[in-house]
Amino acid sequence: MTSSLRDSLTKWDSPLLKLIAAPVAFCDDGRVSPSVEQFIRTEMMKDWAAASLYAICAPLLGRSLSVILIVAETPILMLNPRIVAQSTEMLEAEEFAPNIPVSTIKVTRPLWIRVRYSDLNEQQVTQRFEGVTARLVHQQLEYLNGVTPLHHAKYIRRNSIIKALKRAERHHHHNNNNQKRA
């Protein structure tokens, strides 16, 4: 992921990521407010795929809003998404978390999920996701509910990742200070 996009993500230990994201409210005309639409168009619709990021949610961009964007050939924008059905079959796999760049984390997730959400015009959509896309959507849904991938790591592994994140932050801060002096 490019450094500037990574730097724009909410820091891994931000209190914002521990909150349940606020639902998106719709105006009387069935559209989202101009400020929410502006946020979606300017912050969420960046070129995340060029940064090897295929799903992003509003809390990762600093806003407590229940919004997920799946970056695909045709992007999928989900407002107020929720799981309405899921596979009973589960699969454990290593996952990358966009704001935890130092490591992957083993997470067990359903093989498929069915999600109901609103689009920008308050139209209800129900969509089934499978495989990697289901994992991406599920991970972003957890972020909306105050659960980060670190919650899935075992105690020793979580502490190791946190130490690595703090080391990376110190190194990043040190490099930025040196660049400012040059």
N, C-alpha and C. Protein backbone atom coordinates (compact mmCIF):
# COMPACT_ATOMS: atom_id res chain seq x y z
N MET A 1 0.86 -1.17 0.00
CA MET A 1 0.00 0.00 0.00
C MET A 1 0.90 1.23 0.00
N THR A 2 0.53 2.24 -0.75
CA THR A 2 1.35 3.43 -0.81
C THR A 2 1.36 4.12 0.55
N SER A 3 2.46 4.78 0.86
CA SER A 3 2.63 5.40 2.17
C SER A 3 1.56 6.45 2.46
N SER A 4 1.23 7.30 1.47
CA SER A 4 0.27 8.38 1.73
C SER A 4 -1.12 7.83 2.04
N LEU A 5 -1.54 6.76 1.33
CA LEU A 5 -2.84 6.17 1.64
C LEU A 5 -2.81 5.48 2.99
N ARG A 6 -1.73 4.77 3.29
CA ARG A 6 -1.61 4.11 4.59
C ARG A 6 -1.64 5.14 5.71
N ASP A 7 -0.99 6.26 5.52
CA ASP A 7 -0.97 7.30 6.55
C ASP A 7 -2.33 7.94 6.76
N SER A 8 -3.23 7.82 5.76
CA SER A 8 -4.55 8.42 5.91
C SER A 8 -5.52 7.51 6.67
N LEU A 9 -5.13 6.27 6.95
CA LEU A 9 -6.00 5.35 7.68
C LEU A 9 -5.97 5.64 9.17
N THR A 10 -7.09 5.37 9.83
CA THR A 10 -7.18 5.55 11.28
C THR A 10 -6.17 4.62 11.94
N LYS A 11 -5.43 5.17 12.89
CA LYS A 11 -4.39 4.42 13.59
C LYS A 11 -5.00 3.22 14.31
N TRP A 12 -4.28 2.13 14.35
CA TRP A 12 -4.76 0.84 14.87
C TRP A 12 -5.29 0.92 16.30
N ASP A 13 -4.79 1.86 17.11
CA ASP A 13 -5.22 1.92 18.51
C ASP A 13 -6.18 3.08 18.78
N SER A 14 -6.74 3.65 17.73
CA SER A 14 -7.68 4.77 17.89
C SER A 14 -8.95 4.33 18.63
N PRO A 15 -9.41 5.14 19.58
CA PRO A 15 -10.68 4.83 20.26
C PRO A 15 -11.85 4.74 19.29
N LEU A 16 -11.78 5.41 18.15
CA LEU A 16 -12.84 5.37 17.15
C LEU A 16 -13.12 3.93 16.71
N LEU A 17 -12.07 3.11 16.62
CA LEU A 17 -12.22 1.74 16.14
C LEU A 17 -12.83 0.82 17.19
N LYS A 18 -13.02 1.32 18.40
CA LYS A 18 -13.65 0.52 19.46
C LYS A 18 -15.15 0.79 19.55
N LEU A 19 -15.63 1.74 18.76
CA LEU A 19 -17.04 2.14 18.80
C LEU A 19 -17.86 1.43 17.73
N ILE A 20 -19.15 1.31 17.99
CA ILE A 20 -20.07 0.86 16.95
C ILE A 20 -20.35 2.08 16.07
N ALA A 21 -20.14 1.92 14.77
CA ALA A 21 -20.31 3.04 13.84
C ALA A 21 -21.76 3.51 13.81
N ALA A 22 -21.91 4.81 13.68
CA ALA A 22 -23.24 5.42 13.61
C ALA A 22 -23.93 5.03 12.30
N PRO A 23 -25.22 4.74 12.36
CA PRO A 23 -25.93 4.45 11.11
C PRO A 23 -26.01 5.70 10.24
N VAL A 24 -26.03 5.48 8.95
CA VAL A 24 -26.18 6.58 8.00
C VAL A 24 -27.65 6.97 7.97
N ALA A 25 -27.92 8.25 8.19
CA ALA A 25 -29.30 8.76 8.16
C ALA A 25 -29.61 9.25 6.74
N PHE A 26 -30.84 9.07 6.36
CA PHE A 26 -31.29 9.54 5.05
C PHE A 26 -32.20 10.74 5.23
N CYS A 27 -32.12 11.67 4.30
CA CYS A 27 -32.97 12.87 4.32
C CYS A 27 -34.37 12.50 3.82
N ASP A 28 -35.29 13.45 3.89
CA ASP A 28 -36.67 13.22 3.46
C ASP A 28 -36.76 12.80 1.99
N ASP A 29 -35.79 13.25 1.18
CA ASP A 29 -35.83 12.90 -0.25
C ASP A 29 -35.21 11.53 -0.53
N GLY A 30 -34.84 10.79 0.55
CA GLY A 30 -34.30 9.45 0.37
C GLY A 30 -32.82 9.40 0.05
N ARG A 31 -32.15 10.54 0.13
CA ARG A 31 -30.71 10.59 -0.13
C ARG A 31 -29.97 10.84 1.17
N VAL A 32 -28.67 10.56 1.14
CA VAL A 32 -27.86 10.86 2.31
C VAL A 32 -27.60 12.36 2.37
N SER A 33 -27.18 12.83 3.52
CA SER A 33 -26.89 14.26 3.65
C SER A 33 -25.74 14.66 2.73
N PRO A 34 -25.68 15.92 2.34
CA PRO A 34 -24.58 16.38 1.48
C PRO A 34 -23.20 16.12 2.10
N SER A 35 -23.06 16.25 3.42
CA SER A 35 -21.75 16.02 4.04
C SER A 35 -21.34 14.55 3.96
N VAL A 36 -22.30 13.64 4.13
CA VAL A 36 -22.00 12.21 4.01
C VAL A 36 -21.67 11.87 2.56
N GLU A 37 -22.45 12.40 1.63
CA GLU A 37 -22.17 12.15 0.21
C GLU A 37 -20.79 12.69 -0.18
N GLN A 38 -20.44 13.87 0.33
CA GLN A 38 -19.11 14.46 0.07
C GLN A 38 -18.00 13.55 0.60
N PHE A 39 -18.17 13.05 1.82
CA PHE A 39 -17.18 12.14 2.43
C PHE A 39 -17.03 10.89 1.57
N ILE A 40 -18.13 10.31 1.15
CA ILE A 40 -18.07 9.09 0.34
C ILE A 40 -17.34 9.37 -0.97
N ARG A 41 -17.69 10.47 -1.64
CA ARG A 41 -17.10 10.76 -2.95
C ARG A 41 -15.63 11.18 -2.85
N THR A 42 -15.24 11.90 -1.80
CA THR A 42 -13.85 12.38 -1.74
C THR A 42 -12.93 11.44 -0.98
N GLU A 43 -13.41 10.81 0.07
CA GLU A 43 -12.53 9.96 0.89
C GLU A 43 -12.65 8.47 0.56
N MET A 44 -13.87 8.00 0.39
CA MET A 44 -14.05 6.56 0.19
C MET A 44 -13.76 6.13 -1.23
N MET A 45 -13.95 7.00 -2.19
CA MET A 45 -13.79 6.62 -3.60
C MET A 45 -12.38 6.85 -4.14
N LYS A 46 -11.40 6.89 -3.26
CA LYS A 46 -10.01 7.01 -3.72
C LYS A 46 -9.61 5.74 -4.44
N ASP A 47 -8.42 5.74 -5.03
CA ASP A 47 -7.95 4.58 -5.78
C ASP A 47 -7.33 3.56 -4.84
N TRP A 48 -8.19 2.92 -4.04
CA TRP A 48 -7.70 1.95 -3.06
C TRP A 48 -7.11 0.72 -3.72
N ALA A 49 -7.63 0.31 -4.87
CA ALA A 49 -7.11 -0.88 -5.55
C ALA A 49 -5.64 -0.68 -5.93
N ALA A 50 -5.28 0.53 -6.34
CA ALA A 50 -3.88 0.81 -6.67
C ALA A 50 -2.99 0.65 -5.44
N ALA A 51 -3.61 0.75 -4.27
CA ALA A 51 -2.88 0.58 -3.02
C ALA A 51 -3.04 -0.84 -2.47
N SER A 52 -3.52 -1.76 -3.30
CA SER A 52 -3.75 -3.16 -2.90
C SER A 52 -4.72 -3.27 -1.74
N LEU A 53 -5.69 -2.42 -1.71
CA LEU A 53 -6.72 -2.45 -0.67
C LEU A 53 -8.05 -2.62 -1.39
N TYR A 54 -8.76 -3.70 -1.06
CA TYR A 54 -9.95 -4.05 -1.82
C TYR A 54 -11.25 -3.87 -1.05
N ALA A 55 -11.15 -3.39 0.18
CA ALA A 55 -12.33 -3.06 0.98
C ALA A 55 -11.91 -2.00 1.98
N ILE A 56 -12.81 -1.05 2.23
CA ILE A 56 -12.52 0.02 3.18
C ILE A 56 -13.85 0.41 3.83
N CYS A 57 -13.77 0.78 5.11
CA CYS A 57 -14.97 1.24 5.80
C CYS A 57 -14.70 2.64 6.37
N ALA A 58 -15.77 3.36 6.63
CA ALA A 58 -15.65 4.74 7.09
C ALA A 58 -14.82 4.89 8.37
N PRO A 59 -14.95 4.01 9.38
CA PRO A 59 -14.11 4.17 10.57
C PRO A 59 -12.60 4.12 10.27
N LEU A 60 -12.20 3.35 9.27
CA LEU A 60 -10.78 3.32 8.90
C LEU A 60 -10.33 4.64 8.29
N LEU A 61 -11.29 5.47 7.90
CA LEU A 61 -10.99 6.78 7.33
C LEU A 61 -11.34 7.91 8.30
N GLY A 62 -11.57 7.56 9.57
CA GLY A 62 -11.77 8.57 10.59
C GLY A 62 -13.19 9.01 10.83
N ARG A 63 -14.18 8.34 10.24
CA ARG A 63 -15.58 8.72 10.44
C ARG A 63 -16.37 7.57 11.03
N SER A 64 -17.13 7.85 12.06
CA SER A 64 -18.00 6.84 12.66
C SER A 64 -19.29 6.78 11.86
N LEU A 65 -19.23 6.11 10.73
CA LEU A 65 -20.38 5.94 9.86
C LEU A 65 -20.42 4.49 9.39
N SER A 66 -21.61 3.93 9.29
CA SER A 66 -21.78 2.55 8.87
C SER A 66 -21.78 2.47 7.33
N VAL A 67 -20.56 2.57 6.77
CA VAL A 67 -20.38 2.57 5.31
C VAL A 67 -19.19 1.68 4.97
N ILE A 68 -19.39 0.82 3.98
CA ILE A 68 -18.32 -0.04 3.46
C ILE A 68 -18.26 0.14 1.96
N LEU A 69 -17.05 0.18 1.43
CA LEU A 69 -16.83 0.17 -0.02
C LEU A 69 -16.02 -1.07 -0.36
N ILE A 70 -16.56 -1.88 -1.28
CA ILE A 70 -15.80 -3.00 -1.82
C ILE A 70 -15.27 -2.53 -3.17
N VAL A 71 -13.96 -2.54 -3.30
CA VAL A 71 -13.32 -2.07 -4.53
C VAL A 71 -13.29 -3.24 -5.50
N ALA A 72 -14.00 -3.10 -6.58
CA ALA A 72 -14.07 -4.13 -7.60
C ALA A 72 -14.21 -3.44 -8.95
N GLU A 73 -14.34 -4.24 -10.02
CA GLU A 73 -14.53 -3.64 -11.35
C GLU A 73 -15.72 -2.68 -11.30
N THR A 74 -16.78 -3.11 -10.64
CA THR A 74 -17.91 -2.24 -10.33
C THR A 74 -17.95 -2.11 -8.81
N PRO A 75 -17.52 -0.98 -8.25
CA PRO A 75 -17.47 -0.85 -6.78
C PRO A 75 -18.84 -1.06 -6.15
N ILE A 76 -18.83 -1.63 -4.95
CA ILE A 76 -20.06 -1.87 -4.20
C ILE A 76 -20.01 -0.99 -2.95
N LEU A 77 -20.95 -0.05 -2.86
CA LEU A 77 -21.03 0.84 -1.72
C LEU A 77 -22.20 0.39 -0.85
N MET A 78 -21.91 0.07 0.41
CA MET A 78 -22.93 -0.44 1.33
C MET A 78 -23.12 0.53 2.48
N LEU A 79 -24.35 0.99 2.68
CA LEU A 79 -24.69 1.85 3.80
C LEU A 79 -25.53 1.03 4.78
N ASN A 80 -25.19 1.11 6.05
CA ASN A 80 -25.89 0.38 7.11
C ASN A 80 -25.98 -1.12 6.82
N PRO A 81 -24.84 -1.74 6.44
CA PRO A 81 -24.88 -3.17 6.12
C PRO A 81 -25.02 -4.04 7.38
N ARG A 82 -25.67 -5.19 7.18
CA ARG A 82 -25.75 -6.17 8.26
C ARG A 82 -25.84 -7.56 7.65
N ILE A 83 -25.31 -8.52 8.35
CA ILE A 83 -25.37 -9.91 7.90
C ILE A 83 -26.77 -10.44 8.21
N VAL A 84 -27.41 -11.04 7.20
CA VAL A 84 -28.73 -11.62 7.40
C VAL A 84 -28.68 -13.15 7.33
N ALA A 85 -27.59 -13.71 6.81
CA ALA A 85 -27.40 -15.16 6.78
C ALA A 85 -25.92 -15.42 6.55
N GLN A 86 -25.48 -16.59 7.01
CA GLN A 86 -24.08 -16.95 6.78
C GLN A 86 -23.92 -18.46 6.79
N SER A 87 -22.84 -18.89 6.19
CA SER A 87 -22.50 -20.30 6.13
C SER A 87 -22.22 -20.84 7.53
N THR A 88 -22.57 -22.09 7.75
CA THR A 88 -22.17 -22.73 9.01
C THR A 88 -20.77 -23.30 8.87
N GLU A 89 -20.32 -23.45 7.63
CA GLU A 89 -18.94 -23.89 7.39
C GLU A 89 -18.01 -22.70 7.55
N MET A 90 -16.94 -22.92 8.29
CA MET A 90 -15.99 -21.85 8.58
C MET A 90 -14.63 -22.21 7.99
N LEU A 91 -13.82 -21.18 7.77
CA LEU A 91 -12.47 -21.39 7.27
C LEU A 91 -11.52 -20.44 8.00
N GLU A 92 -10.43 -21.00 8.51
CA GLU A 92 -9.41 -20.17 9.14
C GLU A 92 -8.37 -19.82 8.08
N ALA A 93 -7.99 -18.54 8.03
CA ALA A 93 -6.99 -18.10 7.06
C ALA A 93 -6.28 -16.86 7.60
N GLU A 94 -5.09 -16.61 7.08
CA GLU A 94 -4.34 -15.41 7.43
C GLU A 94 -4.99 -14.22 6.72
N GLU A 95 -5.18 -13.14 7.45
CA GLU A 95 -5.75 -11.93 6.88
C GLU A 95 -4.82 -10.75 7.08
N PHE A 96 -4.83 -9.89 6.10
CA PHE A 96 -4.15 -8.61 6.17
C PHE A 96 -5.16 -7.59 6.66
N ALA A 97 -4.76 -6.76 7.59
CA ALA A 97 -5.62 -5.66 8.04
C ALA A 97 -4.99 -4.36 7.56
N PRO A 98 -5.74 -3.51 6.89
CA PRO A 98 -5.16 -2.32 6.27
C PRO A 98 -4.44 -1.38 7.22
N ASN A 99 -4.88 -1.29 8.46
CA ASN A 99 -4.20 -0.38 9.40
C ASN A 99 -3.28 -1.13 10.36
N ILE A 100 -2.98 -2.37 10.04
CA ILE A 100 -2.01 -3.17 10.82
C ILE A 100 -1.02 -3.75 9.82
N PRO A 101 -0.14 -2.92 9.27
CA PRO A 101 0.71 -3.33 8.15
C PRO A 101 1.87 -4.25 8.53
N VAL A 102 2.09 -4.50 9.81
CA VAL A 102 3.26 -5.26 10.21
C VAL A 102 3.06 -6.76 10.22
N SER A 103 1.83 -7.23 10.06
CA SER A 103 1.60 -8.65 10.21
C SER A 103 0.26 -9.05 9.62
N THR A 104 0.12 -10.36 9.39
CA THR A 104 -1.19 -10.92 9.10
C THR A 104 -1.70 -11.58 10.38
N ILE A 105 -3.00 -11.86 10.41
CA ILE A 105 -3.61 -12.43 11.61
C ILE A 105 -4.52 -13.57 11.17
N LYS A 106 -4.42 -14.71 11.87
CA LYS A 106 -5.31 -15.84 11.58
C LYS A 106 -6.71 -15.53 12.09
N VAL A 107 -7.68 -15.66 11.18
CA VAL A 107 -9.07 -15.39 11.54
C VAL A 107 -9.95 -16.48 10.94
N THR A 108 -10.91 -16.94 11.72
CA THR A 108 -11.89 -17.91 11.25
C THR A 108 -13.16 -17.16 10.86
N ARG A 109 -13.60 -17.38 9.62
CA ARG A 109 -14.78 -16.69 9.12
C ARG A 109 -15.66 -17.67 8.33
N PRO A 110 -16.95 -17.32 8.16
CA PRO A 110 -17.84 -18.16 7.34
C PRO A 110 -17.41 -18.16 5.87
N LEU A 111 -17.71 -19.27 5.18
CA LEU A 111 -17.35 -19.38 3.76
C LEU A 111 -18.14 -18.40 2.90
N TRP A 112 -19.36 -18.10 3.31
CA TRP A 112 -20.18 -17.12 2.59
C TRP A 112 -21.02 -16.35 3.60
N ILE A 113 -21.42 -15.15 3.18
CA ILE A 113 -22.34 -14.34 3.99
C ILE A 113 -23.34 -13.68 3.05
N ARG A 114 -24.53 -13.43 3.57
CA ARG A 114 -25.54 -12.66 2.84
C ARG A 114 -25.74 -11.37 3.61
N VAL A 115 -25.59 -10.25 2.93
CA VAL A 115 -25.61 -8.94 3.58
C VAL A 115 -26.75 -8.11 3.00
N ARG A 116 -27.48 -7.44 3.89
CA ARG A 116 -28.52 -6.49 3.47
C ARG A 116 -27.98 -5.10 3.78
N TYR A 117 -28.12 -4.20 2.82
CA TYR A 117 -27.63 -2.83 2.98
C TYR A 117 -28.46 -1.89 2.13
N SER A 118 -28.27 -0.60 2.35
CA SER A 118 -28.91 0.43 1.53
C SER A 118 -27.88 0.99 0.57
N ASP A 119 -28.35 1.43 -0.59
CA ASP A 119 -27.47 2.17 -1.50
C ASP A 119 -27.63 3.66 -1.21
N LEU A 120 -27.01 4.50 -2.02
CA LEU A 120 -27.07 5.95 -1.79
C LEU A 120 -28.48 6.53 -1.89
N ASN A 121 -29.39 5.80 -2.55
CA ASN A 121 -30.77 6.27 -2.71
C ASN A 121 -31.74 5.58 -1.76
N GLU A 122 -31.22 4.97 -0.71
CA GLU A 122 -31.98 4.28 0.33
C GLU A 122 -32.71 3.04 -0.19
N GLN A 123 -32.29 2.53 -1.32
CA GLN A 123 -32.85 1.29 -1.84
C GLN A 123 -32.19 0.12 -1.12
N GLN A 124 -33.00 -0.83 -0.65
CA GLN A 124 -32.47 -2.00 0.04
C GLN A 124 -31.93 -3.01 -0.96
N VAL A 125 -30.74 -3.53 -0.66
CA VAL A 125 -30.09 -4.53 -1.51
C VAL A 125 -29.69 -5.69 -0.60
N THR A 126 -29.90 -6.91 -1.08
CA THR A 126 -29.40 -8.09 -0.38
C THR A 126 -28.47 -8.79 -1.35
N GLN A 127 -27.26 -9.07 -0.87
CA GLN A 127 -26.25 -9.64 -1.76
C GLN A 127 -25.47 -10.71 -1.02
N ARG A 128 -25.16 -11.78 -1.74
CA ARG A 128 -24.37 -12.88 -1.19
C ARG A 128 -22.91 -12.71 -1.62
N PHE A 129 -22.01 -12.89 -0.68
CA PHE A 129 -20.58 -12.81 -0.95
C PHE A 129 -19.95 -14.14 -0.57
N GLU A 130 -18.99 -14.59 -1.37
CA GLU A 130 -18.31 -15.86 -1.11
C GLU A 130 -16.81 -15.67 -1.14
N GLY A 131 -16.11 -16.62 -0.53
CA GLY A 131 -14.66 -16.67 -0.60
C GLY A 131 -13.98 -15.43 -0.05
N VAL A 132 -13.01 -14.95 -0.79
CA VAL A 132 -12.21 -13.80 -0.34
C VAL A 132 -13.09 -12.56 -0.15
N THR A 133 -14.05 -12.35 -1.04
CA THR A 133 -14.91 -11.17 -0.91
C THR A 133 -15.73 -11.26 0.37
N ALA A 134 -16.21 -12.45 0.72
CA ALA A 134 -16.94 -12.62 1.98
C ALA A 134 -16.05 -12.27 3.16
N ARG A 135 -14.79 -12.67 3.12
CA ARG A 135 -13.84 -12.35 4.20
C ARG A 135 -13.64 -10.84 4.30
N LEU A 136 -13.47 -10.18 3.15
CA LEU A 136 -13.27 -8.73 3.15
C LEU A 136 -14.47 -8.00 3.74
N VAL A 137 -15.67 -8.38 3.29
CA VAL A 137 -16.88 -7.74 3.79
C VAL A 137 -17.04 -8.01 5.28
N HIS A 138 -16.82 -9.25 5.69
CA HIS A 138 -16.97 -9.62 7.10
C HIS A 138 -16.00 -8.82 7.97
N GLN A 139 -14.76 -8.69 7.52
CA GLN A 139 -13.77 -7.91 8.27
C GLN A 139 -14.22 -6.46 8.43
N GLN A 140 -14.71 -5.86 7.35
CA GLN A 140 -15.15 -4.47 7.41
C GLN A 140 -16.39 -4.32 8.29
N LEU A 141 -17.30 -5.31 8.24
CA LEU A 141 -18.47 -5.29 9.13
C LEU A 141 -18.03 -5.33 10.59
N GLU A 142 -16.99 -6.09 10.89
CA GLU A 142 -16.49 -6.13 12.27
C GLU A 142 -15.94 -4.77 12.68
N TYR A 143 -15.20 -4.11 11.78
CA TYR A 143 -14.73 -2.76 12.09
C TYR A 143 -15.91 -1.85 12.45
N LEU A 144 -17.01 -1.97 11.70
CA LEU A 144 -18.19 -1.14 11.98
C LEU A 144 -18.77 -1.43 13.36
N ASN A 145 -18.50 -2.62 13.88
CA ASN A 145 -19.03 -3.02 15.18
C ASN A 145 -17.98 -2.95 16.30
N GLY A 146 -16.90 -2.22 16.05
CA GLY A 146 -15.89 -2.02 17.09
C GLY A 146 -14.96 -3.20 17.31
N VAL A 147 -14.88 -4.11 16.36
CA VAL A 147 -14.02 -5.28 16.47
C VAL A 147 -12.93 -5.17 15.40
N THR A 148 -11.68 -5.12 15.82
CA THR A 148 -10.58 -5.06 14.87
C THR A 148 -9.97 -6.45 14.72
N PRO A 149 -9.19 -6.67 13.68
CA PRO A 149 -8.54 -7.98 13.52
C PRO A 149 -7.67 -8.37 14.73
N LEU A 150 -7.15 -7.40 15.46
CA LEU A 150 -6.36 -7.72 16.65
C LEU A 150 -7.17 -8.50 17.68
N HIS A 151 -8.49 -8.31 17.70
CA HIS A 151 -9.35 -9.05 18.62
C HIS A 151 -9.27 -10.56 18.37
N HIS A 152 -8.92 -10.95 17.15
CA HIS A 152 -8.87 -12.37 16.79
C HIS A 152 -7.53 -13.01 17.14
N ALA A 153 -6.51 -12.20 17.36
CA ALA A 153 -5.18 -12.76 17.65
C ALA A 153 -5.11 -13.28 19.09
N LYS A 154 -4.43 -14.39 19.25
CA LYS A 154 -4.23 -14.93 20.59
C LYS A 154 -3.36 -13.95 21.38
N TYR A 155 -3.44 -14.00 22.71
CA TYR A 155 -2.81 -13.02 23.60
C TYR A 155 -1.33 -12.77 23.25
N ILE A 156 -0.54 -13.81 23.16
CA ILE A 156 0.90 -13.64 22.90
C ILE A 156 1.12 -13.04 21.51
N ARG A 157 0.39 -13.53 20.54
CA ARG A 157 0.51 -13.00 19.17
C ARG A 157 0.08 -11.54 19.12
N ARG A 158 -1.03 -11.20 19.79
CA ARG A 158 -1.52 -9.82 19.82
C ARG A 158 -0.46 -8.90 20.41
N ASN A 159 0.16 -9.31 21.53
CA ASN A 159 1.20 -8.47 22.15
C ASN A 159 2.40 -8.31 21.23
N SER A 160 2.75 -9.36 20.52
CA SER A 160 3.87 -9.29 19.57
C SER A 160 3.55 -8.30 18.44
N ILE A 161 2.33 -8.35 17.93
CA ILE A 161 1.92 -7.43 16.86
C ILE A 161 1.90 -5.99 17.37
N ILE A 162 1.38 -5.78 18.57
CA ILE A 162 1.33 -4.43 19.14
C ILE A 162 2.73 -3.86 19.32
N LYS A 163 3.67 -4.69 19.79
CA LYS A 163 5.07 -4.23 19.92
C LYS A 163 5.64 -3.86 18.56
N ALA A 164 5.36 -4.67 17.55
CA ALA A 164 5.86 -4.37 16.20
C ALA A 164 5.24 -3.09 15.65
N LEU A 165 3.95 -2.87 15.93
CA LEU A 165 3.30 -1.64 15.48
C LEU A 165 3.93 -0.42 16.16
N LYS A 166 4.19 -0.52 17.45
CA LYS A 166 4.81 0.60 18.16
C LYS A 166 6.22 0.87 17.66
N ARG A 167 6.98 -0.21 17.37
CA ARG A 167 8.33 -0.03 16.79
C ARG A 167 8.24 0.66 15.44
N ALA A 168 7.29 0.22 14.61
CA ALA A 168 7.12 0.81 13.27
C ALA A 168 6.75 2.28 13.38
N GLU A 169 5.89 2.62 14.35
CA GLU A 169 5.51 4.03 14.55
C GLU A 169 6.71 4.87 14.97
N ARG A 170 7.52 4.35 15.89
CA ARG A 170 8.73 5.09 16.32
C ARG A 170 9.67 5.29 15.14
N HIS A 171 9.85 4.24 14.34
CA HIS A 171 10.73 4.32 13.18
C HIS A 171 10.19 5.34 12.17
N HIS A 172 8.89 5.30 11.92
CA HIS A 172 8.25 6.24 10.99
C HIS A 172 8.39 7.67 11.50
N HIS A 173 8.15 7.87 12.79
CA HIS A 173 8.27 9.20 13.40
C HIS A 173 9.73 9.70 13.32
N HIS A 174 10.69 8.81 13.58
CA HIS A 174 12.10 9.17 13.51
C HIS A 174 12.49 9.56 12.08
N ASN A 175 12.04 8.79 11.09
CA ASN A 175 12.35 9.11 9.69
C ASN A 175 11.72 10.43 9.27
N ASN A 176 10.49 10.70 9.70
CA ASN A 176 9.84 11.97 9.36
C ASN A 176 10.60 13.15 9.97
N ASN A 177 11.08 13.01 11.20
CA ASN A 177 11.87 14.08 11.83
C ASN A 177 13.16 14.33 11.07
N ASN A 178 13.83 13.26 10.63
CA ASN A 178 15.06 13.42 9.88
C ASN A 178 14.82 14.09 8.54
N GLN A 179 13.70 13.79 7.88
CA GLN A 179 13.38 14.41 6.60
C GLN A 179 13.10 15.90 6.78
N LYS A 180 12.45 16.27 7.90
CA LYS A 180 12.14 17.67 8.15
C LYS A 180 13.43 18.48 8.37
N ARG A 181 14.44 17.86 8.98
CA ARG A 181 15.70 18.55 9.24
C ARG A 181 16.52 18.74 7.98
N ALA A 182 16.34 17.84 7.01
CA ALA A 182 17.18 17.88 5.79
C ALA A 182 16.82 19.04 4.90
